[in-house]
N, C-alpha and C. Protein backbone atom coordinates (compact mmCIF):
# COMPACT_ATOMS: atom_id res chain seq x y z
N UNK A 1 0.83 -1.18 0.00
CA UNK A 1 0.01 0.00 -0.01
C UNK A 1 0.87 1.25 -0.01
N UNK A 2 1.95 1.18 0.73
CA UNK A 2 2.87 2.32 0.79
C UNK A 2 3.43 2.62 -0.60
N UNK A 3 3.82 1.60 -1.32
CA UNK A 3 4.40 1.76 -2.66
C UNK A 3 3.36 2.35 -3.63
N UNK A 4 2.14 1.83 -3.55
CA UNK A 4 1.06 2.37 -4.39
C UNK A 4 0.78 3.83 -4.08
N UNK A 5 0.72 4.18 -2.80
CA UNK A 5 0.49 5.58 -2.40
C UNK A 5 1.60 6.48 -2.86
N UNK A 6 2.84 6.00 -2.76
CA UNK A 6 3.97 6.81 -3.23
C UNK A 6 3.91 7.07 -4.73
N UNK A 7 3.47 6.06 -5.50
CA UNK A 7 3.31 6.23 -6.94
C UNK A 7 2.19 7.23 -7.25
N UNK A 8 1.06 7.12 -6.53
CA UNK A 8 -0.01 8.09 -6.70
C UNK A 8 0.47 9.50 -6.37
N UNK A 9 1.17 9.61 -5.27
CA UNK A 9 1.72 10.93 -4.85
C UNK A 9 2.64 11.48 -5.90
N UNK A 10 3.50 10.68 -6.48
CA UNK A 10 4.42 11.14 -7.53
C UNK A 10 3.65 11.58 -8.78
N UNK A 11 2.64 10.83 -9.16
CA UNK A 11 1.87 11.19 -10.35
C UNK A 11 1.05 12.45 -10.12
N UNK A 12 0.48 12.63 -8.93
CA UNK A 12 -0.23 13.86 -8.63
C UNK A 12 0.75 15.04 -8.60
N UNK A 13 1.96 14.82 -8.14
CA UNK A 13 2.97 15.88 -8.18
C UNK A 13 3.16 16.39 -9.59
N UNK A 14 3.33 15.47 -10.53
CA UNK A 14 3.53 15.84 -11.95
C UNK A 14 2.25 16.57 -12.48
N UNK A 15 1.08 16.07 -12.15
CA UNK A 15 -0.16 16.72 -12.60
C UNK A 15 -0.30 18.13 -12.03
N UNK A 16 0.32 18.37 -10.88
CA UNK A 16 0.27 19.71 -10.27
C UNK A 16 1.44 20.60 -10.70
N UNK A 17 2.21 20.14 -11.68
CA UNK A 17 3.28 20.97 -12.19
C UNK A 17 4.55 20.91 -11.37
N UNK A 18 4.71 19.88 -10.55
CA UNK A 18 5.90 19.73 -9.68
C UNK A 18 6.76 18.57 -10.22
N UNK A 19 7.94 18.44 -9.66
CA UNK A 19 8.76 17.25 -9.93
C UNK A 19 8.10 16.07 -9.22
N UNK A 20 8.46 14.87 -9.60
CA UNK A 20 7.85 13.65 -9.06
C UNK A 20 7.92 13.59 -7.51
N UNK A 21 8.92 14.19 -6.93
CA UNK A 21 9.05 14.14 -5.48
C UNK A 21 8.49 15.42 -4.82
N UNK A 22 7.78 16.26 -5.58
CA UNK A 22 7.29 17.54 -5.08
C UNK A 22 6.36 17.41 -3.90
N UNK A 23 5.31 16.63 -4.03
CA UNK A 23 4.36 16.47 -2.91
C UNK A 23 5.02 15.72 -1.74
N UNK A 24 5.88 14.81 -2.04
CA UNK A 24 6.61 14.08 -0.96
C UNK A 24 7.38 15.09 -0.09
N UNK A 25 8.07 15.99 -0.72
CA UNK A 25 8.81 17.02 0.04
C UNK A 25 7.85 17.93 0.80
N UNK A 26 6.78 18.38 0.15
CA UNK A 26 5.83 19.30 0.76
C UNK A 26 4.99 18.64 1.86
N UNK A 27 4.88 17.33 1.84
CA UNK A 27 4.12 16.64 2.86
C UNK A 27 5.00 16.08 3.97
N UNK A 28 6.29 16.42 3.94
CA UNK A 28 7.16 16.04 5.04
C UNK A 28 7.89 14.73 4.88
N UNK A 29 8.11 14.27 3.65
CA UNK A 29 8.85 13.02 3.43
C UNK A 29 7.89 11.85 3.23
N UNK A 30 8.20 10.78 3.91
CA UNK A 30 7.40 9.54 3.75
C UNK A 30 5.99 9.76 4.29
N UNK A 31 4.98 9.24 3.56
CA UNK A 31 3.61 9.31 4.03
C UNK A 31 3.45 8.38 5.23
N UNK A 32 2.70 8.85 6.21
CA UNK A 32 2.37 8.04 7.37
C UNK A 32 1.18 7.19 6.99
N UNK A 33 1.09 6.02 7.59
CA UNK A 33 0.06 5.06 7.17
C UNK A 33 -0.75 4.62 8.38
N UNK A 34 -2.06 4.56 8.20
CA UNK A 34 -2.98 4.02 9.21
C UNK A 34 -3.91 3.06 8.51
N UNK A 35 -4.47 2.15 9.28
CA UNK A 35 -5.37 1.16 8.68
C UNK A 35 -6.61 1.01 9.54
N UNK A 36 -7.74 0.79 8.90
CA UNK A 36 -9.00 0.53 9.63
C UNK A 36 -9.71 -0.60 8.95
N UNK A 37 -10.03 -1.61 9.71
CA UNK A 37 -10.78 -2.76 9.22
C UNK A 37 -12.20 -2.68 9.79
N UNK A 38 -13.16 -2.74 8.94
CA UNK A 38 -14.55 -2.60 9.33
C UNK A 38 -15.36 -3.89 9.04
N UNK A 39 -16.13 -4.31 9.99
CA UNK A 39 -17.07 -5.41 9.77
C UNK A 39 -18.48 -4.83 9.95
N UNK A 40 -19.31 -5.02 8.94
CA UNK A 40 -20.68 -4.54 8.96
C UNK A 40 -21.59 -5.76 8.94
N UNK A 41 -22.22 -6.08 10.07
CA UNK A 41 -23.08 -7.27 10.15
C UNK A 41 -24.38 -7.05 9.41
N UNK A 42 -25.12 -8.13 9.18
CA UNK A 42 -26.47 -8.05 8.61
C UNK A 42 -27.34 -7.22 9.57
N UNK A 43 -28.23 -6.41 8.96
CA UNK A 43 -29.13 -5.62 9.78
C UNK A 43 -30.53 -5.67 9.16
N UNK A 44 -31.50 -6.04 9.95
CA UNK A 44 -32.86 -6.20 9.43
C UNK A 44 -33.50 -4.81 9.09
N UNK A 45 -33.01 -3.74 9.65
CA UNK A 45 -33.55 -2.40 9.37
C UNK A 45 -32.41 -1.45 8.95
N UNK A 46 -31.79 -1.69 7.77
CA UNK A 46 -30.68 -0.85 7.37
C UNK A 46 -31.06 0.61 7.16
N UNK A 47 -32.33 0.89 6.98
CA UNK A 47 -32.80 2.27 6.80
C UNK A 47 -32.66 3.09 8.10
N UNK A 48 -32.46 2.41 9.24
CA UNK A 48 -32.35 3.07 10.53
C UNK A 48 -30.89 3.24 11.02
N UNK A 49 -29.96 2.61 10.28
CA UNK A 49 -28.58 2.55 10.77
C UNK A 49 -27.62 2.95 9.65
N UNK A 50 -26.57 3.66 10.01
CA UNK A 50 -25.46 3.90 9.08
C UNK A 50 -24.26 3.11 9.58
N UNK A 51 -23.50 2.56 8.70
CA UNK A 51 -22.28 1.84 9.07
C UNK A 51 -21.18 2.83 9.42
N UNK A 52 -21.13 3.95 8.72
CA UNK A 52 -20.14 4.99 8.97
C UNK A 52 -20.77 6.31 8.48
N UNK A 53 -20.87 7.29 9.34
CA UNK A 53 -21.55 8.52 8.97
C UNK A 53 -20.81 9.35 7.90
N UNK A 54 -21.48 10.25 7.23
CA UNK A 54 -20.87 11.02 6.14
C UNK A 54 -19.65 11.83 6.61
N UNK A 55 -18.59 11.78 5.81
CA UNK A 55 -17.37 12.47 6.13
C UNK A 55 -16.47 12.53 4.89
N UNK A 56 -15.44 13.33 4.97
CA UNK A 56 -14.33 13.26 4.02
C UNK A 56 -13.12 12.90 4.84
N UNK A 57 -12.08 12.41 4.18
CA UNK A 57 -10.87 11.96 4.91
C UNK A 57 -9.85 13.09 4.96
N UNK A 58 -9.23 13.28 6.10
CA UNK A 58 -8.20 14.32 6.25
C UNK A 58 -6.84 13.84 5.80
N UNK A 59 -6.80 12.97 4.84
CA UNK A 59 -5.58 12.31 4.40
C UNK A 59 -5.04 12.94 3.12
N UNK A 60 -3.95 12.37 2.63
CA UNK A 60 -3.50 12.66 1.26
C UNK A 60 -4.32 11.78 0.33
N UNK A 61 -4.37 10.49 0.66
CA UNK A 61 -5.15 9.51 -0.11
C UNK A 61 -5.66 8.48 0.87
N UNK A 62 -6.81 7.88 0.52
CA UNK A 62 -7.27 6.69 1.22
C UNK A 62 -7.42 5.58 0.18
N UNK A 63 -6.85 4.43 0.47
CA UNK A 63 -6.95 3.26 -0.38
C UNK A 63 -7.89 2.28 0.28
N UNK A 64 -8.98 1.94 -0.41
CA UNK A 64 -10.03 1.12 0.20
C UNK A 64 -10.23 -0.19 -0.56
N UNK A 65 -10.14 -1.27 0.18
CA UNK A 65 -10.47 -2.59 -0.34
C UNK A 65 -11.87 -2.91 0.10
N UNK A 66 -12.81 -2.97 -0.86
CA UNK A 66 -14.19 -3.25 -0.56
C UNK A 66 -14.45 -4.76 -0.67
N UNK A 67 -15.52 -5.22 -0.03
CA UNK A 67 -16.00 -6.56 -0.21
C UNK A 67 -16.46 -6.68 -1.66
N UNK A 68 -16.00 -7.72 -2.37
CA UNK A 68 -16.31 -7.87 -3.78
C UNK A 68 -17.78 -8.11 -4.07
N UNK A 69 -18.54 -8.60 -3.08
CA UNK A 69 -19.91 -9.02 -3.35
C UNK A 69 -21.00 -8.10 -2.83
N UNK A 70 -20.68 -7.11 -1.98
CA UNK A 70 -21.68 -6.30 -1.35
C UNK A 70 -21.33 -4.83 -1.48
N UNK A 71 -22.26 -4.07 -2.04
CA UNK A 71 -22.06 -2.61 -2.15
C UNK A 71 -22.39 -1.98 -0.79
N UNK A 72 -21.45 -1.19 -0.28
CA UNK A 72 -21.70 -0.52 0.99
C UNK A 72 -21.21 0.93 1.00
N UNK A 73 -20.26 1.23 0.14
CA UNK A 73 -19.73 2.59 0.06
C UNK A 73 -20.66 3.44 -0.82
N UNK A 74 -20.92 4.66 -0.32
CA UNK A 74 -21.67 5.64 -1.12
C UNK A 74 -20.90 6.93 -1.12
N UNK A 75 -20.94 7.65 -2.25
CA UNK A 75 -20.33 8.97 -2.34
C UNK A 75 -21.40 9.98 -2.64
N UNK A 76 -21.09 11.24 -2.36
CA UNK A 76 -22.03 12.31 -2.61
C UNK A 76 -21.37 13.39 -3.47
N UNK A 77 -21.34 13.16 -4.79
CA UNK A 77 -20.70 14.11 -5.67
C UNK A 77 -21.50 15.40 -5.85
N UNK A 78 -22.79 15.33 -5.66
CA UNK A 78 -23.65 16.51 -5.75
C UNK A 78 -24.59 16.48 -4.55
N UNK A 79 -25.87 16.44 -4.77
CA UNK A 79 -26.85 16.44 -3.67
C UNK A 79 -27.36 15.04 -3.29
N UNK A 80 -27.10 14.04 -4.13
CA UNK A 80 -27.64 12.71 -3.86
C UNK A 80 -26.52 11.70 -3.60
N UNK A 81 -26.82 10.73 -2.78
CA UNK A 81 -25.86 9.64 -2.49
C UNK A 81 -25.86 8.65 -3.64
N UNK A 82 -24.66 8.24 -4.08
CA UNK A 82 -24.49 7.32 -5.19
C UNK A 82 -23.70 6.10 -4.71
N UNK A 83 -24.21 4.88 -4.92
CA UNK A 83 -23.47 3.68 -4.50
C UNK A 83 -22.23 3.48 -5.38
N UNK A 84 -21.16 3.01 -4.75
CA UNK A 84 -19.92 2.66 -5.46
C UNK A 84 -19.88 1.16 -5.55
N UNK A 85 -20.25 0.63 -6.72
CA UNK A 85 -20.28 -0.82 -6.89
C UNK A 85 -18.85 -1.37 -6.89
N UNK A 86 -18.59 -2.39 -6.08
CA UNK A 86 -17.27 -2.97 -6.03
C UNK A 86 -16.85 -3.59 -7.36
N UNK A 87 -15.62 -3.41 -7.71
CA UNK A 87 -15.02 -4.09 -8.87
C UNK A 87 -14.08 -5.15 -8.26
N UNK A 88 -14.31 -6.42 -8.53
CA UNK A 88 -13.51 -7.47 -7.90
C UNK A 88 -12.01 -7.24 -8.09
N UNK A 89 -11.26 -7.54 -7.04
CA UNK A 89 -9.80 -7.48 -7.03
C UNK A 89 -9.28 -6.08 -7.35
N UNK A 90 -9.96 -5.05 -6.87
CA UNK A 90 -9.48 -3.70 -7.12
C UNK A 90 -9.58 -2.87 -5.84
N UNK A 91 -8.97 -1.70 -5.89
CA UNK A 91 -9.00 -0.76 -4.78
C UNK A 91 -9.75 0.51 -5.19
N UNK A 92 -10.41 1.14 -4.26
CA UNK A 92 -10.97 2.48 -4.46
C UNK A 92 -9.94 3.45 -3.91
N UNK A 93 -9.65 4.50 -4.67
CA UNK A 93 -8.72 5.54 -4.23
C UNK A 93 -9.54 6.80 -3.99
N UNK A 94 -9.57 7.26 -2.73
CA UNK A 94 -10.21 8.50 -2.40
C UNK A 94 -9.17 9.57 -2.20
N UNK A 95 -9.41 10.72 -2.83
CA UNK A 95 -8.55 11.89 -2.59
C UNK A 95 -8.88 12.39 -1.21
N UNK A 96 -7.87 12.74 -0.44
CA UNK A 96 -8.10 13.27 0.91
C UNK A 96 -8.06 14.80 0.95
N UNK A 97 -8.42 15.35 2.12
CA UNK A 97 -8.49 16.80 2.27
C UNK A 97 -7.13 17.46 2.02
N UNK A 98 -6.03 16.80 2.44
CA UNK A 98 -4.70 17.39 2.22
C UNK A 98 -4.41 17.58 0.75
N UNK A 99 -4.77 16.61 -0.07
CA UNK A 99 -4.55 16.72 -1.52
C UNK A 99 -5.47 17.77 -2.13
N UNK A 100 -6.70 17.83 -1.65
CA UNK A 100 -7.62 18.86 -2.15
C UNK A 100 -7.05 20.27 -1.88
N UNK A 101 -6.54 20.47 -0.67
CA UNK A 101 -5.97 21.77 -0.34
C UNK A 101 -4.73 22.05 -1.19
N UNK A 102 -3.82 21.07 -1.30
CA UNK A 102 -2.61 21.30 -2.07
C UNK A 102 -2.88 21.52 -3.55
N UNK A 103 -3.94 20.92 -4.08
CA UNK A 103 -4.30 21.11 -5.49
C UNK A 103 -5.14 22.36 -5.68
N UNK A 104 -5.39 23.10 -4.61
CA UNK A 104 -6.22 24.30 -4.64
C UNK A 104 -7.62 23.98 -5.18
N UNK A 105 -8.12 22.80 -4.81
CA UNK A 105 -9.47 22.42 -5.20
C UNK A 105 -9.60 21.75 -6.55
N UNK A 106 -8.50 21.56 -7.27
CA UNK A 106 -8.58 20.87 -8.55
C UNK A 106 -9.00 19.41 -8.36
N UNK A 107 -8.46 18.74 -7.33
CA UNK A 107 -8.83 17.39 -7.01
C UNK A 107 -9.59 17.39 -5.70
N UNK A 108 -10.81 16.90 -5.71
CA UNK A 108 -11.74 17.03 -4.59
C UNK A 108 -11.71 15.83 -3.68
N UNK A 109 -11.78 16.11 -2.41
CA UNK A 109 -11.97 15.10 -1.36
C UNK A 109 -13.45 14.81 -1.28
N UNK A 110 -13.88 13.63 -1.62
CA UNK A 110 -15.31 13.34 -1.77
C UNK A 110 -15.93 12.97 -0.42
N UNK A 111 -17.12 13.52 -0.17
CA UNK A 111 -17.88 13.12 1.00
C UNK A 111 -18.41 11.71 0.77
N UNK A 112 -18.27 10.84 1.73
CA UNK A 112 -18.68 9.46 1.59
C UNK A 112 -19.22 8.91 2.92
N UNK A 113 -19.87 7.77 2.81
CA UNK A 113 -20.41 7.07 3.99
C UNK A 113 -20.48 5.59 3.67
N UNK A 114 -20.72 4.81 4.71
CA UNK A 114 -20.92 3.35 4.53
C UNK A 114 -22.32 3.01 5.02
N UNK A 115 -22.97 2.13 4.27
CA UNK A 115 -24.30 1.71 4.64
C UNK A 115 -24.28 0.20 5.00
N UNK A 116 -25.34 -0.20 5.66
CA UNK A 116 -25.49 -1.59 6.12
C UNK A 116 -26.41 -2.33 5.12
N UNK A 117 -26.20 -3.64 5.02
CA UNK A 117 -26.97 -4.49 4.13
C UNK A 117 -27.87 -5.40 4.97
N UNK A 118 -29.09 -5.62 4.49
CA UNK A 118 -30.00 -6.49 5.25
C UNK A 118 -29.85 -7.96 4.94
N UNK A 119 -29.09 -8.31 3.89
CA UNK A 119 -28.97 -9.71 3.49
C UNK A 119 -27.57 -10.32 3.68
N UNK A 120 -26.56 -9.49 3.63
CA UNK A 120 -25.20 -10.02 3.67
C UNK A 120 -24.34 -9.16 4.58
N UNK A 121 -23.43 -9.78 5.37
CA UNK A 121 -22.46 -8.99 6.11
C UNK A 121 -21.39 -8.52 5.13
N UNK A 122 -20.59 -7.57 5.56
CA UNK A 122 -19.58 -7.00 4.67
C UNK A 122 -18.35 -6.61 5.48
N UNK A 123 -17.20 -6.70 4.82
CA UNK A 123 -15.93 -6.26 5.40
C UNK A 123 -15.30 -5.25 4.45
N UNK A 124 -14.66 -4.22 5.02
CA UNK A 124 -13.83 -3.31 4.22
C UNK A 124 -12.57 -3.02 4.97
N UNK A 125 -11.51 -2.71 4.22
CA UNK A 125 -10.24 -2.38 4.79
C UNK A 125 -9.76 -1.08 4.16
N UNK A 126 -9.59 -0.06 4.99
CA UNK A 126 -9.14 1.26 4.50
C UNK A 126 -7.73 1.51 5.00
N UNK A 127 -6.87 1.93 4.07
CA UNK A 127 -5.51 2.34 4.41
C UNK A 127 -5.43 3.85 4.18
N UNK A 128 -5.13 4.59 5.22
CA UNK A 128 -5.06 6.03 5.19
C UNK A 128 -3.61 6.47 5.05
N UNK A 129 -3.34 7.34 4.11
CA UNK A 129 -1.99 7.87 3.88
C UNK A 129 -1.97 9.36 4.25
N UNK A 130 -1.25 9.69 5.30
CA UNK A 130 -1.22 11.02 5.87
C UNK A 130 0.09 11.73 5.61
N UNK A 131 0.02 13.07 5.41
CA UNK A 131 1.26 13.83 5.44
C UNK A 131 1.80 13.88 6.87
N UNK A 132 3.01 14.29 7.07
CA UNK A 132 3.59 14.45 8.41
C UNK A 132 2.75 15.37 9.26
N UNK A 133 2.54 15.03 10.53
CA UNK A 133 1.71 15.81 11.46
C UNK A 133 2.19 17.25 11.60
N UNK A 134 3.47 17.49 11.55
CA UNK A 134 4.05 18.82 11.79
C UNK A 134 4.17 19.64 10.50
N UNK A 135 3.79 19.07 9.36
CA UNK A 135 3.99 19.75 8.09
C UNK A 135 2.83 20.71 7.83
N UNK A 136 3.16 21.93 7.42
CA UNK A 136 2.13 22.88 7.03
C UNK A 136 1.66 22.56 5.61
N UNK A 137 0.34 22.49 5.43
CA UNK A 137 -0.24 22.14 4.14
C UNK A 137 -1.00 23.35 3.61
N UNK A 138 -0.75 23.66 2.32
CA UNK A 138 -1.47 24.78 1.70
C UNK A 138 -1.45 24.59 0.20
N UNK A 139 -2.19 25.42 -0.53
CA UNK A 139 -2.17 25.27 -2.00
C UNK A 139 -0.76 25.43 -2.56
N UNK A 140 -0.44 24.56 -3.49
CA UNK A 140 0.88 24.57 -4.17
C UNK A 140 0.84 25.77 -5.14
N UNK A 141 1.96 26.50 -5.18
CA UNK A 141 2.02 27.71 -6.04
C UNK A 141 1.65 27.45 -7.48
N UNK A 142 2.01 26.29 -8.01
CA UNK A 142 1.71 25.96 -9.41
C UNK A 142 0.22 25.81 -9.67
N UNK A 143 -0.59 25.69 -8.59
CA UNK A 143 -2.02 25.51 -8.73
C UNK A 143 -2.79 26.83 -8.50
N UNK A 144 -2.06 27.92 -8.31
CA UNK A 144 -2.66 29.23 -8.06
C UNK A 144 -2.37 30.16 -9.24
N UNK A 145 -3.46 30.78 -9.69
CA UNK A 145 -3.37 31.77 -10.76
C UNK A 145 -4.35 32.87 -10.38
N UNK A 146 -3.88 34.05 -10.06
CA UNK A 146 -4.74 35.10 -9.52
C UNK A 146 -5.95 35.40 -10.42
N UNK A 147 -5.82 35.22 -11.73
CA UNK A 147 -6.95 35.53 -12.62
C UNK A 147 -7.96 34.40 -12.73
N UNK A 148 -7.48 33.17 -12.92
CA UNK A 148 -8.39 32.06 -13.15
C UNK A 148 -8.57 31.12 -11.95
N UNK A 149 -7.53 31.00 -11.16
CA UNK A 149 -7.56 30.04 -10.03
C UNK A 149 -6.95 30.71 -8.79
N UNK A 150 -7.69 31.64 -8.15
CA UNK A 150 -7.13 32.26 -6.96
C UNK A 150 -7.01 31.23 -5.81
N UNK A 151 -6.20 31.57 -4.85
CA UNK A 151 -5.98 30.71 -3.68
C UNK A 151 -7.32 30.54 -2.95
N UNK A 152 -7.76 29.26 -2.87
CA UNK A 152 -9.05 28.94 -2.25
C UNK A 152 -8.96 28.48 -0.81
N UNK A 153 -7.76 28.09 -0.37
CA UNK A 153 -7.58 27.52 0.97
C UNK A 153 -6.45 28.24 1.69
N UNK A 154 -6.59 28.37 3.00
CA UNK A 154 -5.48 28.91 3.79
C UNK A 154 -4.59 27.72 4.19
N UNK A 155 -3.41 28.04 4.60
CA UNK A 155 -2.49 27.00 5.06
C UNK A 155 -2.93 26.48 6.43
N UNK A 156 -2.76 25.18 6.62
CA UNK A 156 -3.12 24.56 7.91
C UNK A 156 -1.92 23.80 8.42
């Protein structure tokens, strides 16, 4: 997962007009990694329960391994929730808040949630890739243009 995240980070660096190691340097070197394993049991009233409430991730990237047989992840690209159907043997890559800020909003951190299923239990494994805790994060200069793309975020 670390290797995949580093490759994503390098490619986003290039897309943002930086050298391949640009975001790595700006995020404080090696990405920190966290993992969360979720088990969602069968629920007879899934309309009354959420598996995980709506949120965006404060990460650089989140790499999610979904259960191949049960849809549980939903995203909210506009006003409605949309299910993310699992693709067998694949990962979902979510842009995190840190990458949204550094890209000055070009790449969005999506609001998402997990729902419960009434017929099948489900497991998901999320790997969170974080910039260094002490690193200041702000829009990258190459993503700011006073006329077309003014600075949208303050540094945090």
